[in-house]
C-alpha cells in the first residue's frame, strides 16, 4: 500500500524526498519496479540535483542492470559527470534495442 502511494505521487515531490523514495524502493530489490526506475532515471537526467540520479543508478545496479560503465572501479554520488555519462549510455542502449 505504501509503495502504491509512493508511485502515485513521486513526481510531485521535491528532489530530496524523491531521492529518499528512490533509496527506500531500491532496498526492496523488486524487479517489478524496473520500468519505473528507468523512467525516473530519464526524468532525473534533466534535473540539476545529482543525488536522485545516483540513487536510481544504485537501484538499477541492485537489480543487476548494467547502469554503471564497466571501466569504473567504484561509484560515488559526487562523480556527477561520470554518473550522467553512464545514465545516458544506459538509457540510450534501450533506444538502440528498439531499432534493431
N, C-alpha and C. Protein backbone atom coordinates (compact mmCIF):
# COMPACT_ATOMS: atom_id res chain seq x y z
N UNK A 1 0.81 -1.19 0.00
CA UNK A 1 0.00 0.00 0.00
C UNK A 1 0.86 1.26 0.00
N UNK A 2 1.92 1.26 0.79
CA UNK A 2 2.82 2.42 0.82
C UNK A 2 3.49 2.61 -0.53
N UNK A 3 3.89 1.50 -1.16
CA UNK A 3 4.55 1.59 -2.46
C UNK A 3 3.60 2.19 -3.49
N UNK A 4 2.36 1.81 -3.47
CA UNK A 4 1.37 2.36 -4.40
C UNK A 4 1.27 3.87 -4.22
N UNK A 5 1.25 4.34 -3.00
CA UNK A 5 1.18 5.78 -2.73
C UNK A 5 2.44 6.49 -3.21
N UNK A 6 3.60 5.89 -2.97
CA UNK A 6 4.85 6.48 -3.44
C UNK A 6 4.84 6.58 -4.96
N UNK A 7 4.47 5.51 -5.63
CA UNK A 7 4.45 5.50 -7.09
C UNK A 7 3.49 6.56 -7.64
N UNK A 8 2.37 6.73 -6.97
CA UNK A 8 1.36 7.67 -7.46
C UNK A 8 1.78 9.12 -7.30
N UNK A 9 2.62 9.42 -6.32
CA UNK A 9 2.92 10.82 -6.01
C UNK A 9 4.39 11.19 -6.10
N UNK A 10 5.21 10.29 -6.56
CA UNK A 10 6.66 10.53 -6.55
C UNK A 10 7.06 11.77 -7.33
N UNK A 11 6.49 11.97 -8.50
CA UNK A 11 6.89 13.11 -9.32
C UNK A 11 6.43 14.44 -8.74
N UNK A 12 5.53 14.42 -7.76
CA UNK A 12 5.07 15.64 -7.11
C UNK A 12 6.02 16.09 -6.00
N UNK A 13 6.96 15.24 -5.63
CA UNK A 13 7.85 15.53 -4.50
C UNK A 13 9.05 16.35 -4.94
N UNK A 14 9.64 17.09 -3.98
CA UNK A 14 10.87 17.80 -4.31
C UNK A 14 12.03 16.81 -4.35
N UNK A 15 13.17 17.25 -4.81
CA UNK A 15 14.28 16.34 -5.10
C UNK A 15 14.75 15.55 -3.88
N UNK A 16 14.77 16.16 -2.72
CA UNK A 16 15.21 15.45 -1.52
C UNK A 16 14.31 14.28 -1.17
N UNK A 17 13.01 14.50 -1.26
CA UNK A 17 12.06 13.42 -0.99
C UNK A 17 12.08 12.35 -2.07
N UNK A 18 12.25 12.79 -3.34
CA UNK A 18 12.36 11.81 -4.42
C UNK A 18 13.58 10.90 -4.19
N UNK A 19 14.70 11.52 -3.84
CA UNK A 19 15.92 10.73 -3.58
C UNK A 19 15.71 9.73 -2.46
N UNK A 20 15.05 10.17 -1.41
CA UNK A 20 14.76 9.27 -0.28
C UNK A 20 13.84 8.14 -0.71
N UNK A 21 12.86 8.45 -1.55
CA UNK A 21 11.95 7.42 -2.03
C UNK A 21 12.69 6.43 -2.92
N UNK A 22 13.56 6.93 -3.81
CA UNK A 22 14.35 6.03 -4.65
C UNK A 22 15.20 5.11 -3.79
N UNK A 23 15.82 5.69 -2.77
CA UNK A 23 16.67 4.89 -1.87
C UNK A 23 15.85 3.79 -1.22
N UNK A 24 14.69 4.15 -0.68
CA UNK A 24 13.84 3.18 0.01
C UNK A 24 13.37 2.08 -0.95
N UNK A 25 12.93 2.48 -2.14
CA UNK A 25 12.46 1.49 -3.11
C UNK A 25 13.60 0.58 -3.58
N UNK A 26 14.81 1.12 -3.66
CA UNK A 26 15.95 0.31 -4.11
C UNK A 26 16.26 -0.82 -3.14
N UNK A 27 15.93 -0.64 -1.88
CA UNK A 27 16.22 -1.66 -0.87
C UNK A 27 15.30 -2.86 -0.99
N UNK A 28 14.26 -2.74 -1.77
CA UNK A 28 13.32 -3.86 -1.95
C UNK A 28 13.84 -4.88 -2.97
N UNK A 29 14.75 -4.46 -3.84
CA UNK A 29 15.27 -5.36 -4.90
C UNK A 29 14.10 -5.99 -5.66
N UNK A 30 13.14 -5.15 -6.02
CA UNK A 30 11.90 -5.59 -6.65
C UNK A 30 11.95 -5.34 -8.15
N UNK A 31 12.09 -6.41 -8.91
CA UNK A 31 12.17 -6.31 -10.36
C UNK A 31 10.95 -5.68 -11.02
N UNK A 32 9.81 -5.72 -10.34
CA UNK A 32 8.61 -5.11 -10.93
C UNK A 32 8.72 -3.58 -10.98
N UNK A 33 9.71 -3.01 -10.30
CA UNK A 33 9.92 -1.56 -10.32
C UNK A 33 10.88 -1.12 -11.42
N UNK A 34 11.42 -2.06 -12.17
CA UNK A 34 12.44 -1.77 -13.17
C UNK A 34 11.99 -0.69 -14.16
N UNK A 35 10.83 -0.82 -14.72
CA UNK A 35 10.34 0.17 -15.69
C UNK A 35 10.21 1.55 -15.04
N UNK A 36 9.77 1.59 -13.79
CA UNK A 36 9.68 2.86 -13.07
C UNK A 36 11.06 3.46 -12.88
N UNK A 37 12.01 2.65 -12.44
CA UNK A 37 13.37 3.15 -12.22
C UNK A 37 13.94 3.73 -13.51
N UNK A 38 13.73 3.05 -14.62
CA UNK A 38 14.24 3.55 -15.91
C UNK A 38 13.58 4.87 -16.28
N UNK A 39 12.28 4.95 -16.12
CA UNK A 39 11.56 6.19 -16.44
C UNK A 39 12.03 7.34 -15.56
N UNK A 40 12.14 7.09 -14.28
CA UNK A 40 12.60 8.13 -13.37
C UNK A 40 14.04 8.54 -13.66
N UNK A 41 14.87 7.60 -14.09
CA UNK A 41 16.25 7.92 -14.44
C UNK A 41 16.27 8.96 -15.56
N UNK A 42 15.44 8.76 -16.56
CA UNK A 42 15.33 9.75 -17.64
C UNK A 42 14.89 11.10 -17.13
N UNK A 43 13.95 11.11 -16.21
CA UNK A 43 13.48 12.37 -15.62
C UNK A 43 14.61 13.04 -14.85
N UNK A 44 15.32 12.28 -14.04
CA UNK A 44 16.37 12.86 -13.19
C UNK A 44 17.56 13.37 -14.00
N UNK A 45 17.77 12.81 -15.19
CA UNK A 45 18.84 13.33 -16.05
C UNK A 45 18.61 14.80 -16.39
N UNK A 46 17.36 15.20 -16.46
CA UNK A 46 17.03 16.59 -16.77
C UNK A 46 17.06 17.52 -15.58
N UNK A 47 17.33 17.01 -14.42
CA UNK A 47 17.34 17.81 -13.20
C UNK A 47 18.78 18.20 -12.84
N UNK A 48 18.93 19.18 -12.01
CA UNK A 48 20.26 19.63 -11.58
C UNK A 48 20.73 18.94 -10.30
N UNK A 49 19.86 18.24 -9.62
CA UNK A 49 20.19 17.57 -8.36
C UNK A 49 20.75 16.18 -8.64
N UNK A 50 22.03 15.94 -8.35
CA UNK A 50 22.65 14.66 -8.72
C UNK A 50 22.28 13.48 -7.83
N UNK A 51 21.76 13.72 -6.65
CA UNK A 51 21.51 12.63 -5.72
C UNK A 51 20.41 11.68 -6.21
N UNK A 52 19.35 12.23 -6.76
CA UNK A 52 18.26 11.38 -7.27
C UNK A 52 18.75 10.47 -8.39
N UNK A 53 19.56 11.03 -9.29
CA UNK A 53 20.13 10.24 -10.37
C UNK A 53 20.96 9.10 -9.81
N UNK A 54 21.81 9.41 -8.86
CA UNK A 54 22.68 8.38 -8.28
C UNK A 54 21.87 7.31 -7.55
N UNK A 55 20.86 7.70 -6.79
CA UNK A 55 20.04 6.72 -6.07
C UNK A 55 19.35 5.77 -7.04
N UNK A 56 18.90 6.28 -8.17
CA UNK A 56 18.27 5.42 -9.17
C UNK A 56 19.29 4.49 -9.81
N UNK A 57 20.49 4.98 -10.02
CA UNK A 57 21.54 4.13 -10.59
C UNK A 57 21.86 2.98 -9.64
N UNK A 58 21.89 3.27 -8.35
CA UNK A 58 22.12 2.22 -7.36
C UNK A 58 20.94 1.23 -7.37
N UNK A 59 19.72 1.76 -7.46
CA UNK A 59 18.54 0.88 -7.52
C UNK A 59 18.64 -0.07 -8.71
N UNK A 60 19.03 0.46 -9.86
CA UNK A 60 19.16 -0.38 -11.06
C UNK A 60 20.31 -1.37 -10.89
N UNK A 61 21.40 -0.93 -10.31
CA UNK A 61 22.53 -1.83 -10.06
C UNK A 61 22.11 -2.96 -9.11
N UNK A 62 21.28 -2.64 -8.13
CA UNK A 62 20.78 -3.67 -7.21
C UNK A 62 19.96 -4.74 -7.93
N UNK A 63 19.42 -4.38 -9.09
CA UNK A 63 18.66 -5.33 -9.90
C UNK A 63 19.52 -5.94 -11.00
N UNK A 64 20.85 -5.79 -10.85
CA UNK A 64 21.83 -6.33 -11.81
C UNK A 64 21.71 -5.73 -13.19
N UNK A 65 21.24 -4.50 -13.28
CA UNK A 65 21.20 -3.79 -14.54
C UNK A 65 22.57 -3.15 -14.78
N UNK A 66 23.06 -3.17 -16.02
CA UNK A 66 24.39 -2.63 -16.32
C UNK A 66 24.40 -1.10 -16.46
N UNK A 67 23.98 -0.42 -15.43
CA UNK A 67 23.84 1.03 -15.49
C UNK A 67 25.18 1.75 -15.34
N UNK A 68 26.11 1.16 -14.63
CA UNK A 68 27.45 1.76 -14.48
C UNK A 68 28.38 1.16 -15.53
N UNK A 69 29.18 2.00 -16.15
CA UNK A 69 30.13 1.54 -17.16
C UNK A 69 31.12 0.57 -16.53
N UNK A 70 31.55 -0.41 -17.32
CA UNK A 70 32.46 -1.43 -16.83
C UNK A 70 33.84 -0.92 -16.46
N UNK A 71 34.22 0.28 -16.94
CA UNK A 71 35.54 0.81 -16.64
C UNK A 71 35.62 1.50 -15.28
N UNK A 72 34.51 1.57 -14.58
CA UNK A 72 34.52 2.23 -13.26
C UNK A 72 34.87 1.23 -12.18
N UNK A 73 35.71 1.68 -11.27
CA UNK A 73 36.14 0.81 -10.17
C UNK A 73 35.31 1.04 -8.91
N UNK A 74 34.51 2.07 -8.91
CA UNK A 74 33.64 2.37 -7.78
C UNK A 74 32.61 3.39 -8.20
N UNK A 75 31.67 3.65 -7.31
CA UNK A 75 30.59 4.58 -7.62
C UNK A 75 30.46 5.57 -6.47
N UNK A 76 30.22 6.83 -6.82
CA UNK A 76 30.01 7.85 -5.79
C UNK A 76 29.04 8.90 -6.31
N UNK A 77 28.25 9.41 -5.43
CA UNK A 77 27.23 10.38 -5.82
C UNK A 77 27.86 11.66 -6.34
N UNK A 78 29.03 12.02 -5.83
CA UNK A 78 29.66 13.28 -6.25
C UNK A 78 30.40 13.17 -7.60
N UNK A 79 30.44 11.99 -8.21
CA UNK A 79 31.02 11.81 -9.54
C UNK A 79 29.94 12.13 -10.59
N UNK A 80 29.53 13.37 -10.56
CA UNK A 80 28.35 13.80 -11.30
C UNK A 80 28.47 13.53 -12.80
N UNK A 81 29.56 13.93 -13.40
CA UNK A 81 29.70 13.76 -14.85
C UNK A 81 29.77 12.30 -15.25
N UNK A 82 30.48 11.48 -14.47
CA UNK A 82 30.53 10.04 -14.77
C UNK A 82 29.14 9.41 -14.63
N UNK A 83 28.41 9.80 -13.59
CA UNK A 83 27.07 9.25 -13.40
C UNK A 83 26.14 9.66 -14.53
N UNK A 84 26.21 10.92 -14.95
CA UNK A 84 25.38 11.38 -16.06
C UNK A 84 25.75 10.64 -17.35
N UNK A 85 27.05 10.49 -17.59
CA UNK A 85 27.51 9.76 -18.78
C UNK A 85 26.95 8.34 -18.80
N UNK A 86 27.10 7.66 -17.65
CA UNK A 86 26.65 6.27 -17.58
C UNK A 86 25.14 6.14 -17.70
N UNK A 87 24.40 7.06 -17.08
CA UNK A 87 22.94 7.02 -17.16
C UNK A 87 22.48 7.24 -18.60
N UNK A 88 23.09 8.18 -19.30
CA UNK A 88 22.75 8.42 -20.70
C UNK A 88 23.05 7.19 -21.55
N UNK A 89 24.21 6.60 -21.33
CA UNK A 89 24.60 5.40 -22.09
C UNK A 89 23.60 4.27 -21.83
N UNK A 90 23.25 4.07 -20.57
CA UNK A 90 22.30 3.02 -20.20
C UNK A 90 20.96 3.23 -20.90
N UNK A 91 20.42 4.44 -20.81
CA UNK A 91 19.11 4.70 -21.42
C UNK A 91 19.18 4.63 -22.95
N UNK A 92 20.28 5.06 -23.52
CA UNK A 92 20.45 5.02 -24.97
C UNK A 92 20.49 3.58 -25.47
N UNK A 93 20.98 2.67 -24.65
CA UNK A 93 21.07 1.27 -25.06
C UNK A 93 19.67 0.70 -25.35
N UNK A 94 18.65 1.23 -24.71
CA UNK A 94 17.28 0.76 -24.97
C UNK A 94 16.77 1.32 -26.28
N UNK A 95 17.17 2.53 -26.62
CA UNK A 95 16.79 3.11 -27.90
C UNK A 95 17.36 2.28 -29.04
N UNK A 96 18.62 1.83 -28.90
CA UNK A 96 19.25 1.00 -29.94
C UNK A 96 18.56 -0.34 -30.05
N UNK A 97 18.15 -0.91 -28.91
CA UNK A 97 17.46 -2.21 -28.95
C UNK A 97 16.14 -2.10 -29.69
N UNK A 98 15.46 -0.97 -29.51
CA UNK A 98 14.16 -0.77 -30.16
C UNK A 98 14.29 -0.67 -31.68
N UNK A 99 15.44 -0.21 -32.19
CA UNK A 99 15.60 -0.03 -33.62
C UNK A 99 16.21 -1.26 -34.29
N UNK A 100 16.70 -2.21 -33.51
CA UNK A 100 17.32 -3.43 -34.07
C UNK A 100 16.27 -4.41 -34.53
